[in-house]
N, C-alpha and C. Protein backbone atom coordinates (compact mmCIF):
# COMPACT_ATOMS: atom_id res chain seq x y z
N UNK A 1 40.19 -6.04 -110.61
CA UNK A 1 41.43 -5.71 -111.25
C UNK A 1 41.27 -4.46 -112.22
N UNK A 2 40.05 -4.45 -112.83
CA UNK A 2 39.97 -3.47 -113.90
C UNK A 2 39.71 -2.13 -113.17
N UNK A 3 38.99 -1.99 -112.13
CA UNK A 3 38.77 -0.81 -111.38
C UNK A 3 40.11 -0.26 -110.79
N UNK A 4 40.84 -1.20 -110.35
CA UNK A 4 42.12 -0.63 -109.79
C UNK A 4 43.01 -0.16 -110.84
N UNK A 5 43.02 -0.78 -111.92
CA UNK A 5 43.84 -0.22 -113.13
C UNK A 5 43.23 1.28 -113.60
N UNK A 6 41.83 1.26 -113.56
CA UNK A 6 41.23 2.69 -113.78
C UNK A 6 41.70 3.68 -112.88
N UNK A 7 41.69 3.35 -111.55
CA UNK A 7 42.03 4.29 -110.49
C UNK A 7 43.48 4.67 -110.65
N UNK A 8 44.27 3.71 -110.90
CA UNK A 8 45.68 3.95 -111.20
C UNK A 8 46.02 4.94 -112.32
N UNK A 9 45.35 4.79 -113.36
CA UNK A 9 45.49 5.55 -114.73
C UNK A 9 44.96 7.01 -114.36
N UNK A 10 43.82 6.95 -113.64
CA UNK A 10 43.27 8.38 -113.21
C UNK A 10 44.31 9.16 -112.33
N UNK A 11 44.86 8.35 -111.56
CA UNK A 11 45.86 9.16 -110.52
C UNK A 11 47.27 9.59 -111.43
N UNK A 12 47.52 8.72 -112.33
CA UNK A 12 48.64 9.22 -113.18
C UNK A 12 48.28 10.42 -113.84
N UNK A 13 47.03 10.42 -114.57
CA UNK A 13 46.50 11.58 -115.30
C UNK A 13 46.52 12.77 -114.62
N UNK A 14 46.02 12.69 -113.38
CA UNK A 14 45.93 13.97 -112.56
C UNK A 14 47.23 14.42 -112.14
N UNK A 15 48.15 13.55 -111.82
CA UNK A 15 49.62 13.93 -111.57
C UNK A 15 50.30 14.71 -112.76
N UNK A 16 50.06 14.17 -113.84
CA UNK A 16 50.58 14.94 -115.08
C UNK A 16 49.82 16.26 -115.21
N UNK A 17 48.55 16.24 -115.12
CA UNK A 17 47.99 17.69 -115.16
C UNK A 17 48.43 18.65 -114.33
N UNK A 18 48.82 18.14 -112.89
CA UNK A 18 49.43 19.07 -112.00
C UNK A 18 50.82 19.65 -112.45
N UNK A 19 51.56 18.58 -112.84
CA UNK A 19 52.94 18.92 -113.33
C UNK A 19 52.86 19.93 -114.58
N UNK A 20 52.03 19.79 -115.49
CA UNK A 20 51.77 20.70 -116.48
C UNK A 20 51.45 22.18 -116.03
N UNK A 21 50.61 22.09 -114.96
CA UNK A 21 50.24 23.61 -114.41
C UNK A 21 51.31 24.14 -113.78
N UNK A 22 52.12 23.47 -113.13
CA UNK A 22 53.38 24.00 -112.20
C UNK A 22 54.34 24.79 -113.03
N UNK A 23 54.38 24.43 -114.31
CA UNK A 23 55.48 25.17 -115.21
C UNK A 23 55.23 26.62 -115.28
N UNK A 24 56.27 27.36 -115.00
CA UNK A 24 56.27 28.77 -114.96
C UNK A 24 56.43 29.32 -116.45
N UNK A 25 55.77 30.18 -116.92
CA UNK A 25 56.01 30.67 -118.23
C UNK A 25 57.31 31.57 -118.21
N UNK A 26 58.01 31.53 -119.28
CA UNK A 26 59.17 32.32 -119.34
C UNK A 26 59.07 33.53 -120.19
N UNK A 27 59.73 34.54 -120.08
CA UNK A 27 59.78 35.80 -120.84
C UNK A 27 60.68 35.65 -121.98
N UNK A 28 60.04 35.72 -123.10
CA UNK A 28 60.90 35.60 -124.36
C UNK A 28 61.61 36.92 -124.50
N UNK A 29 63.00 36.63 -124.61
CA UNK A 29 63.80 38.02 -124.67
C UNK A 29 64.08 38.22 -126.29
N UNK A 30 64.07 39.55 -126.71
CA UNK A 30 64.53 39.84 -128.08
C UNK A 30 65.97 39.59 -128.16
N UNK A 31 66.38 39.53 -129.38
CA UNK A 31 67.78 39.37 -129.80
C UNK A 31 68.42 40.73 -129.73
N UNK A 32 69.61 40.76 -129.06
CA UNK A 32 70.41 42.09 -129.13
C UNK A 32 70.82 42.50 -130.47
N UNK A 33 71.29 43.64 -130.71
CA UNK A 33 71.70 43.99 -132.06
C UNK A 33 73.04 43.32 -132.33
N UNK A 34 73.94 43.06 -131.42
CA UNK A 34 75.09 42.31 -131.67
C UNK A 34 74.84 40.86 -132.04
N UNK A 35 73.92 40.31 -131.45
CA UNK A 35 73.47 38.96 -131.89
C UNK A 35 72.94 38.90 -133.19
N UNK A 36 72.13 39.92 -133.56
CA UNK A 36 71.48 40.03 -134.88
C UNK A 36 72.70 40.18 -135.97
N UNK A 37 73.73 41.00 -135.60
CA UNK A 37 74.78 41.26 -136.56
C UNK A 37 75.62 39.89 -136.72
N UNK A 38 75.87 39.22 -135.74
CA UNK A 38 76.49 37.88 -135.82
C UNK A 38 75.73 36.93 -136.59
N UNK A 39 74.57 36.87 -136.46
CA UNK A 39 73.64 35.85 -137.41
C UNK A 39 73.88 36.27 -138.73
N UNK A 40 73.71 37.54 -139.00
CA UNK A 40 73.82 38.05 -140.40
C UNK A 40 75.18 37.76 -141.05
N UNK A 41 76.25 37.93 -140.24
CA UNK A 41 77.64 37.55 -140.63
C UNK A 41 77.91 36.17 -140.95
N UNK A 42 77.35 35.32 -140.21
CA UNK A 42 77.33 33.96 -140.46
C UNK A 42 76.51 33.46 -141.52
N UNK A 43 75.51 33.92 -141.75
CA UNK A 43 74.73 33.65 -143.10
C UNK A 43 75.41 34.09 -144.21
N UNK A 44 75.95 35.40 -144.09
CA UNK A 44 76.82 35.94 -145.37
C UNK A 44 77.96 34.94 -145.52
N UNK A 45 78.72 34.57 -144.65
CA UNK A 45 79.87 33.56 -144.77
C UNK A 45 79.34 32.20 -145.45
N UNK A 46 78.25 31.76 -144.99
CA UNK A 46 77.75 30.48 -145.69
C UNK A 46 77.48 30.75 -146.98
N UNK A 47 76.71 31.90 -147.30
CA UNK A 47 76.31 32.21 -148.64
C UNK A 47 77.67 32.39 -149.56
N UNK A 48 78.66 32.99 -149.08
CA UNK A 48 79.89 33.31 -149.77
C UNK A 48 80.52 31.79 -149.99
N UNK A 49 80.50 30.92 -149.06
CA UNK A 49 81.17 29.57 -149.16
C UNK A 49 80.44 28.71 -150.31
N UNK A 50 79.04 28.98 -150.25
CA UNK A 50 78.25 28.13 -151.22
C UNK A 50 78.60 28.59 -152.67
N UNK A 51 78.63 29.88 -152.89
CA UNK A 51 78.77 30.53 -154.05
C UNK A 51 80.25 30.29 -154.59
N UNK A 52 81.10 30.28 -153.72
CA UNK A 52 82.53 29.91 -154.17
C UNK A 52 82.62 28.45 -154.55
N UNK A 53 81.92 27.72 -153.84
CA UNK A 53 82.10 26.32 -154.13
C UNK A 53 81.52 25.97 -155.37
N UNK A 54 80.41 26.75 -155.73
CA UNK A 54 79.59 26.53 -157.04
C UNK A 54 80.49 27.08 -158.21
N UNK A 55 81.06 28.12 -157.89
CA UNK A 55 81.98 28.50 -159.16
C UNK A 55 83.28 27.74 -159.29
N UNK A 56 83.79 27.36 -158.24
CA UNK A 56 84.87 26.38 -158.46
C UNK A 56 84.56 25.05 -159.10
N UNK A 57 83.37 24.56 -158.71
CA UNK A 57 83.03 23.29 -159.42
C UNK A 57 82.67 23.60 -160.83
N UNK A 58 82.06 24.71 -161.22
CA UNK A 58 81.82 24.97 -162.53
C UNK A 58 83.10 25.11 -163.40
N UNK A 59 84.05 25.90 -162.80
CA UNK A 59 85.36 25.97 -163.36
C UNK A 59 86.09 24.65 -163.49
N UNK A 60 85.87 23.81 -162.59
CA UNK A 60 86.52 22.38 -162.85
C UNK A 60 85.98 21.65 -163.88
N UNK A 61 84.61 21.77 -164.07
CA UNK A 61 83.87 21.29 -165.12
C UNK A 61 84.42 21.65 -166.56
N UNK A 62 84.50 23.00 -166.53
CA UNK A 62 84.94 23.63 -167.84
C UNK A 62 86.41 23.14 -168.24
N UNK A 63 87.36 23.02 -167.23
CA UNK A 63 88.70 22.50 -167.57
C UNK A 63 88.63 21.08 -168.03
N UNK A 64 87.69 20.21 -167.50
CA UNK A 64 87.78 18.81 -168.03
C UNK A 64 87.14 18.75 -169.44
N UNK A 65 86.32 19.64 -169.88
CA UNK A 65 85.67 19.50 -171.11
C UNK A 65 86.73 20.10 -172.16
N UNK A 66 87.61 20.98 -171.82
CA UNK A 66 88.39 21.68 -172.75
C UNK A 66 89.57 20.93 -173.15
């Protein structure tokens, strides 16, 4: 029983190794300039939203204390 289990495990290991070797590498593409601009604009919008939220919360706190 133990030998059969070892053979079974070895066959699975060899199949997994074969599957790993079959993967074709892909070519990583650079981002186009339009995509870079879009990413920058999204980051700018997020930064603006965060700063606007922080200032409104600070103003709200000031109104409560006065």
